[in-house]
Structures are given as C-alpha cells and as structure tokens.
All heavy atoms as atom14 arrays in JSON, in Angstrom:
{
  "sequence": "MKTGEKTWELHQFIMRHYKKNPQNPIKNFSFFKDKIESGVKHTYK",
  "atom14_mask": [
    [1, 1, 1, 1, 1, 1, 1, 1, 0, 0, 0, 0, 0, 0],
    [1, 1, 1, 1, 1, 1, 1, 1, 1, 0, 0, 0, 0, 0],
    [1, 1, 1, 1, 1, 1, 1, 0, 0, 0, 0, 0, 0, 0],
    [1, 1, 1, 1, 0, 0, 0, 0, 0, 0, 0, 0, 0, 0],
    [1, 1, 1, 1, 1, 1, 1, 1, 1, 0, 0, 0, 0, 0],
    [1, 1, 1, 1, 1, 1, 1, 1, 1, 0, 0, 0, 0, 0],
    [1, 1, 1, 1, 1, 1, 1, 0, 0, 0, 0, 0, 0, 0],
    [1, 1, 1, 1, 1, 1, 1, 1, 1, 1, 1, 1, 1, 1],
    [1, 1, 1, 1, 1, 1, 1, 1, 1, 0, 0, 0, 0, 0],
    [1, 1, 1, 1, 1, 1, 1, 1, 0, 0, 0, 0, 0, 0],
    [1, 1, 1, 1, 1, 1, 1, 1, 1, 1, 0, 0, 0, 0],
    [1, 1, 1, 1, 1, 1, 1, 1, 1, 0, 0, 0, 0, 0],
    [1, 1, 1, 1, 1, 1, 1, 1, 1, 1, 1, 0, 0, 0],
    [1, 1, 1, 1, 1, 1, 1, 1, 0, 0, 0, 0, 0, 0],
    [1, 1, 1, 1, 1, 1, 1, 1, 0, 0, 0, 0, 0, 0],
    [1, 1, 1, 1, 1, 1, 1, 1, 1, 1, 1, 0, 0, 0],
    [1, 1, 1, 1, 1, 1, 1, 1, 1, 1, 0, 0, 0, 0],
    [1, 1, 1, 1, 1, 1, 1, 1, 1, 1, 1, 1, 0, 0],
    [1, 1, 1, 1, 1, 1, 1, 1, 1, 0, 0, 0, 0, 0],
    [1, 1, 1, 1, 1, 1, 1, 1, 1, 0, 0, 0, 0, 0],
    [1, 1, 1, 1, 1, 1, 1, 1, 0, 0, 0, 0, 0, 0],
    [1, 1, 1, 1, 1, 1, 1, 0, 0, 0, 0, 0, 0, 0],
    [1, 1, 1, 1, 1, 1, 1, 1, 1, 0, 0, 0, 0, 0],
    [1, 1, 1, 1, 1, 1, 1, 1, 0, 0, 0, 0, 0, 0],
    [1, 1, 1, 1, 1, 1, 1, 0, 0, 0, 0, 0, 0, 0],
    [1, 1, 1, 1, 1, 1, 1, 1, 0, 0, 0, 0, 0, 0],
    [1, 1, 1, 1, 1, 1, 1, 1, 1, 0, 0, 0, 0, 0],
    [1, 1, 1, 1, 1, 1, 1, 1, 0, 0, 0, 0, 0, 0],
    [1, 1, 1, 1, 1, 1, 1, 1, 1, 1, 1, 0, 0, 0],
    [1, 1, 1, 1, 1, 1, 0, 0, 0, 0, 0, 0, 0, 0],
    [1, 1, 1, 1, 1, 1, 1, 1, 1, 1, 1, 0, 0, 0],
    [1, 1, 1, 1, 1, 1, 1, 1, 1, 1, 1, 0, 0, 0],
    [1, 1, 1, 1, 1, 1, 1, 1, 1, 0, 0, 0, 0, 0],
    [1, 1, 1, 1, 1, 1, 1, 1, 0, 0, 0, 0, 0, 0],
    [1, 1, 1, 1, 1, 1, 1, 1, 1, 0, 0, 0, 0, 0],
    [1, 1, 1, 1, 1, 1, 1, 1, 0, 0, 0, 0, 0, 0],
    [1, 1, 1, 1, 1, 1, 1, 1, 1, 0, 0, 0, 0, 0],
    [1, 1, 1, 1, 1, 1, 0, 0, 0, 0, 0, 0, 0, 0],
    [1, 1, 1, 1, 0, 0, 0, 0, 0, 0, 0, 0, 0, 0],
    [1, 1, 1, 1, 1, 1, 1, 0, 0, 0, 0, 0, 0, 0],
    [1, 1, 1, 1, 1, 1, 1, 1, 1, 0, 0, 0, 0, 0],
    [1, 1, 1, 1, 1, 1, 1, 1, 1, 1, 0, 0, 0, 0],
    [1, 1, 1, 1, 1, 1, 1, 0, 0, 0, 0, 0, 0, 0],
    [1, 1, 1, 1, 1, 1, 1, 1, 1, 1, 1, 1, 0, 0],
    [1, 1, 1, 1, 1, 1, 1, 1, 1, 0, 0, 0, 0, 0]
  ],
  "atom14_positions": [
    [[-22.63, -27.57, -40.41], [-22.38, -26.62, -39.38], [-21.81, -25.3, -39.97], [-20.92, -25.35, -40.88], [-21.38, -27.13, -38.37], [-20.98, -26.37, -37.19], [-19.98, -27.05, -36.0], [-21.12, -28.23, -35.27], [0.0, 0.0, 0.0], [0.0, 0.0, 0.0], [0.0, 0.0, 0.0], [0.0, 0.0, 0.0], [0.0, 0.0, 0.0], [0.0, 0.0, 0.0]],
    [[-22.3, -24.24, -39.64], [-21.9, -22.85, -40.17], [-20.55, -22.5, -39.71], [-20.03, -22.92, -38.76], [-22.85, -21.83, -39.85], [-24.31, -21.97, -40.28], [-25.14, -20.94, -39.88], [-26.7, -21.12, -40.26], [-27.54, -20.11, -39.86], [0.0, 0.0, 0.0], [0.0, 0.0, 0.0], [0.0, 0.0, 0.0], [0.0, 0.0, 0.0], [0.0, 0.0, 0.0]],
    [[-19.92, -21.62, -40.62], [-18.56, -21.18, -40.23], [-18.69, -20.5, -38.84], [-19.45, -19.66, -38.56], [-18.19, -20.03, -41.26], [-18.05, -20.79, -42.58], [-16.74, -19.51, -41.03], [0.0, 0.0, 0.0], [0.0, 0.0, 0.0], [0.0, 0.0, 0.0], [0.0, 0.0, 0.0], [0.0, 0.0, 0.0], [0.0, 0.0, 0.0], [0.0, 0.0, 0.0]],
    [[-17.63, -20.8, -38.15], [-17.67, -20.16, -36.73], [-18.29, -20.91, -35.63], [-17.79, -20.79, -34.45], [0.0, 0.0, 0.0], [0.0, 0.0, 0.0], [0.0, 0.0, 0.0], [0.0, 0.0, 0.0], [0.0, 0.0, 0.0], [0.0, 0.0, 0.0], [0.0, 0.0, 0.0], [0.0, 0.0, 0.0], [0.0, 0.0, 0.0], [0.0, 0.0, 0.0]],
    [[-19.16, -21.89, -35.91], [-19.7, -22.69, -34.91], [-18.84, -23.55, -34.16], [-18.83, -23.76, -33.0], [-20.98, -23.47, -35.37], [-22.2, -22.49, -35.74], [-23.39, -23.27, -36.23], [-23.22, -24.57, -36.23], [-24.34, -22.79, -36.6], [0.0, 0.0, 0.0], [0.0, 0.0, 0.0], [0.0, 0.0, 0.0], [0.0, 0.0, 0.0], [0.0, 0.0, 0.0]],
    [[-18.1, -24.29, -34.99], [-16.96, -25.15, -34.45], [-15.89, -24.31, -33.61], [-15.5, -24.7, -32.62], [-16.31, -25.96, -35.5], [-15.61, -27.11, -35.12], [-16.6, -28.24, -34.81], [-16.02, -29.61, -34.45], [-16.91, -30.68, -34.17], [0.0, 0.0, 0.0], [0.0, 0.0, 0.0], [0.0, 0.0, 0.0], [0.0, 0.0, 0.0], [0.0, 0.0, 0.0]],
    [[-15.49, -23.14, -34.14], [-14.69, -22.28, -33.36], [-15.18, -21.97, -32.05], [-14.63, -21.94, -31.02], [-14.42, -21.09, -34.19], [-13.7, -21.32, -35.34], [-13.44, -20.05, -33.47], [0.0, 0.0, 0.0], [0.0, 0.0, 0.0], [0.0, 0.0, 0.0], [0.0, 0.0, 0.0], [0.0, 0.0, 0.0], [0.0, 0.0, 0.0], [0.0, 0.0, 0.0]],
    [[-16.57, -21.68, -32.05], [-17.19, -21.13, -30.8], [-17.12, -22.41, -29.81], [-16.99, -22.19, -28.71], [-18.66, -20.83, -31.09], [-19.3, -20.32, -29.9], [-20.44, -20.67, -29.46], [-18.89, -19.07, -29.1], [-20.84, -19.8, -28.29], [-19.85, -18.86, -28.02], [-17.66, -18.43, -28.99], [-19.6, -17.96, -27.12], [-17.57, -17.41, -28.03], [-18.68, -17.2, -27.18]],
    [[-17.5, -23.59, -30.27], [-17.39, -24.83, -29.51], [-16.0, -24.96, -28.94], [-15.87, -25.41, -27.61], [-17.7, -26.05, -30.27], [-19.11, -26.26, -30.57], [-19.39, -27.44, -31.42], [-18.53, -28.28, -31.64], [-20.62, -27.63, -31.88], [0.0, 0.0, 0.0], [0.0, 0.0, 0.0], [0.0, 0.0, 0.0], [0.0, 0.0, 0.0], [0.0, 0.0, 0.0]],
    [[-15.0, -24.67, -29.67], [-13.59, -24.77, -29.2], [-13.31, -23.79, -28.09], [-12.79, -24.12, -26.96], [-12.65, -24.48, -30.34], [-11.23, -24.22, -29.92], [-10.56, -25.32, -29.23], [-10.36, -23.76, -31.09], [0.0, 0.0, 0.0], [0.0, 0.0, 0.0], [0.0, 0.0, 0.0], [0.0, 0.0, 0.0], [0.0, 0.0, 0.0], [0.0, 0.0, 0.0]],
    [[-13.75, -22.57, -28.27], [-13.5, -21.53, -27.15], [-14.18, -21.93, -25.85], [-13.8, -21.91, -24.78], [-14.05, -20.12, -27.63], [-13.6, -19.06, -26.72], [-12.32, -18.52, -26.82], [-14.24, -18.43, -25.78], [-12.02, -17.57, -25.94], [-13.3, -17.4, -25.23], [0.0, 0.0, 0.0], [0.0, 0.0, 0.0], [0.0, 0.0, 0.0], [0.0, 0.0, 0.0]],
    [[-15.49, -22.42, -25.99], [-16.16, -23.02, -24.84], [-15.47, -24.14, -24.1], [-15.55, -24.18, -22.94], [-17.65, -23.36, -25.19], [-18.45, -22.13, -25.6], [-19.81, -22.4, -25.96], [-20.12, -23.36, -26.72], [-20.86, -21.61, -25.53], [0.0, 0.0, 0.0], [0.0, 0.0, 0.0], [0.0, 0.0, 0.0], [0.0, 0.0, 0.0], [0.0, 0.0, 0.0]],
    [[-14.91, -25.01, -25.03], [-14.2, -26.1, -24.43], [-12.93, -25.61, -23.7], [-12.77, -26.11, -22.41], [-13.56, -26.92, -25.52], [-12.67, -28.07, -25.16], [-12.89, -29.14, -24.49], [-11.13, -27.82, -25.43], [-12.06, -30.13, -24.06], [-10.18, -28.67, -25.05], [-10.63, -29.86, -24.31], [0.0, 0.0, 0.0], [0.0, 0.0, 0.0], [0.0, 0.0, 0.0]],
    [[-12.29, -24.73, -24.07], [-11.26, -24.05, -23.34], [-11.72, -23.5, -21.94], [-11.08, -23.77, -20.94], [-10.48, -23.01, -24.16], [-9.79, -23.58, -25.3], [-9.36, -22.26, -23.25], [-9.29, -22.52, -26.28], [0.0, 0.0, 0.0], [0.0, 0.0, 0.0], [0.0, 0.0, 0.0], [0.0, 0.0, 0.0], [0.0, 0.0, 0.0], [0.0, 0.0, 0.0]],
    [[-12.82, -22.73, -22.02], [-13.29, -22.04, -20.82], [-13.8, -23.16, -19.76], [-13.66, -22.93, -18.64], [-14.36, -21.16, -21.17], [-13.93, -19.97, -22.15], [-12.48, -18.98, -21.45], [-13.42, -18.16, -20.0], [0.0, 0.0, 0.0], [0.0, 0.0, 0.0], [0.0, 0.0, 0.0], [0.0, 0.0, 0.0], [0.0, 0.0, 0.0], [0.0, 0.0, 0.0]],
    [[-14.48, -24.09, -20.37], [-15.06, -25.19, -19.47], [-13.95, -25.92, -18.79], [-14.01, -26.26, -17.5], [-15.97, -26.19, -20.2], [-17.28, -25.55, -20.58], [-18.24, -26.76, -21.06], [-17.68, -27.57, -22.11], [-17.89, -27.24, -23.37], [-18.66, -26.23, -23.75], [-17.3, -28.02, -24.3], [0.0, 0.0, 0.0], [0.0, 0.0, 0.0], [0.0, 0.0, 0.0]],
    [[-12.91, -26.29, -19.45], [-11.88, -27.0, -18.92], [-11.16, -26.29, -17.73], [-10.92, -26.81, -16.71], [-10.73, -27.34, -20.0], [-9.62, -28.19, -19.34], [-9.69, -29.55, -19.29], [-8.44, -27.76, -18.82], [-8.47, -29.86, -18.66], [-7.91, -28.76, -18.39], [0.0, 0.0, 0.0], [0.0, 0.0, 0.0], [0.0, 0.0, 0.0], [0.0, 0.0, 0.0]],
    [[-10.99, -24.89, -18.08], [-10.41, -24.11, -16.92], [-11.27, -24.0, -15.72], [-10.76, -24.14, -14.65], [-10.04, -22.71, -17.48], [-9.51, -21.79, -16.39], [-8.17, -21.91, -15.99], [-10.37, -20.86, -15.67], [-7.68, -21.13, -14.92], [-9.76, -20.11, -14.65], [-8.41, -20.32, -14.29], [-8.02, -19.46, -13.2], [0.0, 0.0, 0.0], [0.0, 0.0, 0.0]],
    [[-12.6, -23.76, -15.91], [-13.38, -23.68, -14.91], [-13.54, -24.91, -13.99], [-13.69, -24.83, -12.79], [-14.78, -23.26, -15.42], [-15.84, -22.82, -14.29], [-17.01, -22.2, -14.92], [-18.05, -21.77, -13.89], [-19.3, -21.17, -14.48], [0.0, 0.0, 0.0], [0.0, 0.0, 0.0], [0.0, 0.0, 0.0], [0.0, 0.0, 0.0], [0.0, 0.0, 0.0]],
    [[-13.44, -26.06, -14.76], [-13.65, -27.37, -13.86], [-12.29, -27.73, -13.36], [-12.29, -28.6, -12.41], [-14.3, -28.36, -14.88], [-15.71, -28.08, -15.18], [-16.34, -29.24, -16.14], [-17.61, -28.89, -16.53], [-18.18, -29.9, -17.54], [0.0, 0.0, 0.0], [0.0, 0.0, 0.0], [0.0, 0.0, 0.0], [0.0, 0.0, 0.0], [0.0, 0.0, 0.0]],
    [[-11.27, -27.54, -13.97], [-9.95, -27.93, -13.57], [-8.73, -26.88, -13.51], [-7.83, -26.86, -14.1], [-9.51, -28.96, -14.59], [-10.41, -30.08, -14.92], [-10.58, -30.98, -14.33], [-11.2, -29.95, -16.02], [0.0, 0.0, 0.0], [0.0, 0.0, 0.0], [0.0, 0.0, 0.0], [0.0, 0.0, 0.0], [0.0, 0.0, 0.0], [0.0, 0.0, 0.0]],
    [[-9.05, -25.97, -12.63], [-8.13, -24.88, -12.38], [-6.84, -25.21, -11.88], [-5.9, -24.58, -12.19], [-8.95, -23.8, -11.42], [-9.78, -24.82, -10.7], [-10.18, -25.76, -11.59], [0.0, 0.0, 0.0], [0.0, 0.0, 0.0], [0.0, 0.0, 0.0], [0.0, 0.0, 0.0], [0.0, 0.0, 0.0], [0.0, 0.0, 0.0], [0.0, 0.0, 0.0]],
    [[-6.79, -26.39, -11.17], [-5.51, -26.81, -10.66], [-4.82, -27.78, -11.58], [-3.78, -28.32, -11.35], [-5.7, -27.46, -9.28], [-6.28, -26.51, -8.29], [-6.47, -27.04, -7.01], [-6.22, -28.25, -6.7], [-6.98, -26.33, -6.0], [0.0, 0.0, 0.0], [0.0, 0.0, 0.0], [0.0, 0.0, 0.0], [0.0, 0.0, 0.0], [0.0, 0.0, 0.0]],
    [[-5.44, -28.09, -12.73], [-4.85, -29.08, -13.77], [-5.09, -28.52, -15.17], [-5.77, -29.2, -15.93], [-5.51, -30.35, -13.5], [-4.76, -31.44, -14.32], [-3.64, -31.39, -14.75], [-5.56, -32.5, -14.79], [0.0, 0.0, 0.0], [0.0, 0.0, 0.0], [0.0, 0.0, 0.0], [0.0, 0.0, 0.0], [0.0, 0.0, 0.0], [0.0, 0.0, 0.0]],
    [[-4.49, -27.35, -15.42], [-4.75, -26.97, -16.84], [-4.09, -27.82, -17.85], [-3.29, -28.72, -17.59], [-3.92, -25.67, -16.73], [-3.88, -25.3, -15.37], [-3.68, -26.48, -14.73], [0.0, 0.0, 0.0], [0.0, 0.0, 0.0], [0.0, 0.0, 0.0], [0.0, 0.0, 0.0], [0.0, 0.0, 0.0], [0.0, 0.0, 0.0], [0.0, 0.0, 0.0]],
    [[-4.55, -27.68, -19.16], [-4.06, -28.52, -20.21], [-2.65, -28.11, -20.44], [-2.27, -27.09, -20.64], [-4.92, -28.2, -21.52], [-6.35, -28.49, -21.38], [-4.35, -29.01, -22.71], [-7.2, -28.02, -22.39], [0.0, 0.0, 0.0], [0.0, 0.0, 0.0], [0.0, 0.0, 0.0], [0.0, 0.0, 0.0], [0.0, 0.0, 0.0], [0.0, 0.0, 0.0]],
    [[-1.75, -29.16, -20.28], [-0.26, -28.87, -20.36], [0.28, -29.34, -21.71], [1.32, -28.75, -22.19], [0.41, -29.65, -19.19], [-0.07, -29.06, -17.83], [0.68, -29.99, -16.75], [0.14, -29.6, -15.38], [0.8, -30.42, -14.42], [0.0, 0.0, 0.0], [0.0, 0.0, 0.0], [0.0, 0.0, 0.0], [0.0, 0.0, 0.0], [0.0, 0.0, 0.0]],
    [[-0.38, -30.36, -22.33], [0.19, -31.0, -23.4], [-0.44, -30.38, -24.69], [-1.45, -30.69, -25.17], [-0.01, -32.58, -23.39], [0.66, -33.33, -24.6], [0.98, -32.67, -25.59], [0.87, -34.54, -24.39], [0.0, 0.0, 0.0], [0.0, 0.0, 0.0], [0.0, 0.0, 0.0], [0.0, 0.0, 0.0], [0.0, 0.0, 0.0], [0.0, 0.0, 0.0]],
    [[0.32, -29.5, -25.35], [-0.25, -28.77, -26.54], [-0.52, -29.56, -27.61], [-1.48, -29.53, -28.44], [0.73, -27.54, -26.9], [0.24, -26.84, -28.13], [-0.93, -26.2, -28.07], [0.82, -26.96, -29.28], [-1.34, -25.49, -29.18], [0.41, -26.33, -30.45], [-0.72, -25.46, -30.35], [0.0, 0.0, 0.0], [0.0, 0.0, 0.0], [0.0, 0.0, 0.0]],
    [[0.31, -30.65, -27.87], [0.21, -31.58, -29.12], [-1.12, -32.28, -28.88], [-1.78, -32.52, -29.86], [1.31, -32.49, -29.24], [1.49, -33.33, -27.99], [0.0, 0.0, 0.0], [0.0, 0.0, 0.0], [0.0, 0.0, 0.0], [0.0, 0.0, 0.0], [0.0, 0.0, 0.0], [0.0, 0.0, 0.0], [0.0, 0.0, 0.0], [0.0, 0.0, 0.0]],
    [[-1.48, -32.67, -27.68], [-2.74, -33.41, -27.51], [-3.96, -32.38, -27.75], [-4.83, -32.69, -28.39], [-2.77, -33.86, -26.12], [-4.26, -34.35, -25.56], [-4.81, -35.38, -26.07], [-5.03, -33.45, -24.9], [-6.11, -35.75, -25.74], [-6.33, -33.67, -24.41], [-6.8, -34.89, -24.85], [0.0, 0.0, 0.0], [0.0, 0.0, 0.0], [0.0, 0.0, 0.0]],
    [[-3.76, -31.28, -27.25], [-4.77, -30.16, -27.37], [-4.92, -29.79, -28.81], [-6.07, -29.76, -29.41], [-4.4, -28.85, -26.51], [-5.42, -27.78, -26.61], [-6.63, -28.06, -26.06], [-5.14, -26.62, -27.12], [-7.68, -27.06, -26.03], [-6.08, -25.61, -27.27], [-7.31, -25.9, -26.58], [0.0, 0.0, 0.0], [0.0, 0.0, 0.0], [0.0, 0.0, 0.0]],
    [[-3.9, -29.7, -29.5], [-3.96, -29.3, -31.03], [-4.49, -30.45, -31.7], [-5.39, -30.09, -32.63], [-2.49, -29.1, -31.45], [-2.43, -28.73, -33.05], [-1.01, -28.38, -33.46], [-0.21, -29.58, -33.4], [1.18, -29.26, -33.97], [0.0, 0.0, 0.0], [0.0, 0.0, 0.0], [0.0, 0.0, 0.0], [0.0, 0.0, 0.0], [0.0, 0.0, 0.0]],
    [[-4.28, -31.71, -31.42], [-4.89, -32.82, -32.21], [-6.36, -32.92, -31.96], [-7.16, -33.21, -32.77], [-4.25, -34.19, -31.71], [-2.83, -34.37, -32.08], [-2.37, -33.66, -33.1], [-2.23, -35.23, -31.6], [0.0, 0.0, 0.0], [0.0, 0.0, 0.0], [0.0, 0.0, 0.0], [0.0, 0.0, 0.0], [0.0, 0.0, 0.0], [0.0, 0.0, 0.0]],
    [[-6.87, -32.5, -30.84], [-8.28, -32.51, -30.44], [-9.07, -31.44, -31.26], [-10.13, -31.64, -31.56], [-8.33, -32.29, -29.0], [-9.68, -32.61, -28.44], [-9.73, -32.37, -26.89], [-11.03, -32.93, -26.31], [-11.21, -34.33, -26.36], [0.0, 0.0, 0.0], [0.0, 0.0, 0.0], [0.0, 0.0, 0.0], [0.0, 0.0, 0.0], [0.0, 0.0, 0.0]],
    [[-8.43, -30.39, -31.65], [-9.12, -29.29, -32.35], [-8.74, -29.02, -33.73], [-9.48, -28.43, -34.5], [-8.91, -27.88, -31.64], [-7.41, -27.54, -31.58], [-9.32, -28.08, -30.11], [-7.11, -26.16, -31.21], [0.0, 0.0, 0.0], [0.0, 0.0, 0.0], [0.0, 0.0, 0.0], [0.0, 0.0, 0.0], [0.0, 0.0, 0.0], [0.0, 0.0, 0.0]],
    [[-7.61, -29.44, -34.19], [-7.07, -29.03, -35.46], [-7.99, -29.26, -36.54], [-8.28, -28.54, -37.45], [-5.66, -29.53, -35.63], [-4.88, -28.9, -36.91], [-3.5, -29.24, -36.9], [-3.21, -30.58, -37.15], [-2.62, -28.4, -36.78], [0.0, 0.0, 0.0], [0.0, 0.0, 0.0], [0.0, 0.0, 0.0], [0.0, 0.0, 0.0], [0.0, 0.0, 0.0]],
    [[-8.37, -30.53, -36.69], [-9.29, -31.07, -37.87], [-10.53, -30.29, -38.02], [-11.05, -30.07, -39.05], [-9.55, -32.46, -37.7], [-10.19, -32.78, -36.62], [0.0, 0.0, 0.0], [0.0, 0.0, 0.0], [0.0, 0.0, 0.0], [0.0, 0.0, 0.0], [0.0, 0.0, 0.0], [0.0, 0.0, 0.0], [0.0, 0.0, 0.0], [0.0, 0.0, 0.0]],
    [[-11.14, -29.86, -36.84], [-12.29, -29.11, -36.88], [-12.22, -27.68, -36.92], [-13.22, -27.09, -37.5], [0.0, 0.0, 0.0], [0.0, 0.0, 0.0], [0.0, 0.0, 0.0], [0.0, 0.0, 0.0], [0.0, 0.0, 0.0], [0.0, 0.0, 0.0], [0.0, 0.0, 0.0], [0.0, 0.0, 0.0], [0.0, 0.0, 0.0], [0.0, 0.0, 0.0]],
    [[-11.11, -27.12, -36.86], [-11.04, -25.67, -36.65], [-9.89, -25.08, -37.48], [-10.27, -24.32, -38.39], [-10.98, -25.08, -35.2], [-10.75, -23.59, -35.23], [-12.17, -25.59, -34.45], [0.0, 0.0, 0.0], [0.0, 0.0, 0.0], [0.0, 0.0, 0.0], [0.0, 0.0, 0.0], [0.0, 0.0, 0.0], [0.0, 0.0, 0.0], [0.0, 0.0, 0.0]],
    [[-8.69, -25.49, -37.22], [-7.55, -24.68, -37.84], [-7.56, -24.61, -39.37], [-7.33, -23.55, -40.03], [-6.25, -25.34, -37.31], [-5.13, -24.53, -37.76], [-3.83, -25.19, -37.1], [-2.56, -24.39, -37.51], [-1.36, -24.92, -37.1], [0.0, 0.0, 0.0], [0.0, 0.0, 0.0], [0.0, 0.0, 0.0], [0.0, 0.0, 0.0], [0.0, 0.0, 0.0]],
    [[-8.02, -25.76, -39.89], [-7.81, -25.76, -41.41], [-9.24, -25.61, -42.13], [-9.23, -25.39, -43.37], [-7.27, -27.03, -41.93], [-5.98, -27.33, -41.41], [-4.84, -26.4, -41.58], [-5.37, -28.35, -40.62], [-3.77, -26.95, -40.91], [-3.97, -28.14, -40.37], [0.0, 0.0, 0.0], [0.0, 0.0, 0.0], [0.0, 0.0, 0.0], [0.0, 0.0, 0.0]],
    [[-10.27, -25.43, -41.38], [-11.53, -25.27, -41.99], [-12.27, -24.02, -41.72], [-12.89, -23.52, -42.54], [-12.47, -26.47, -41.52], [-11.8, -27.75, -41.72], [-13.76, -26.59, -42.36], [0.0, 0.0, 0.0], [0.0, 0.0, 0.0], [0.0, 0.0, 0.0], [0.0, 0.0, 0.0], [0.0, 0.0, 0.0], [0.0, 0.0, 0.0], [0.0, 0.0, 0.0]],
    [[-12.0, -23.47, -40.55], [-12.79, -22.41, -40.15], [-11.84, -21.06, -40.07], [-10.75, -21.15, -40.19], [-13.47, -22.58, -38.87], [-14.52, -23.69, -39.0], [-14.24, -25.07, -38.78], [-15.84, -23.4, -39.5], [-15.24, -26.03, -38.93], [-16.84, -24.32, -39.66], [-16.46, -25.7, -39.35], [-17.39, -26.65, -39.61], [0.0, 0.0, 0.0], [0.0, 0.0, 0.0]],
    [[-12.5, -19.93, -39.85], [-11.85, -18.69, -39.97], [-11.08, -18.21, -38.75], [-10.3, -17.34, -38.7], [-12.82, -17.57, -40.41], [-13.47, -17.81, -41.74], [-14.36, -16.58, -42.13], [-14.92, -16.68, -43.5], [-15.82, -15.7, -43.93], [0.0, 0.0, 0.0], [0.0, 0.0, 0.0], [0.0, 0.0, 0.0], [0.0, 0.0, 0.0], [0.0, 0.0, 0.0]]
  ]
}
C-alpha cells in the first residue's frame, strides 16, 4: 500500500462514523488510537 493510502482510509473512517452515528461519537480515545496507530501513526506521513 502506498504512502498516504492508509491515512486516507483513516480519514474516511472518521467521516463515516460521524455520518452514521452523529448521536454517538467516538468517545474513548485509547480505543480509537489502538485502532489506527499501527497502520498510520508510526508508518505513514
């Protein structure tokens, strides 16, 4: 997967979650971070 593609998936994940669950935003940052950190934070730009 090219640089940036995983980041783009992450941004879309955030937007999809908000659109589908506006009354129940992601509250638990540690869960959210675990879900994305290995794919984005330490590998991509």
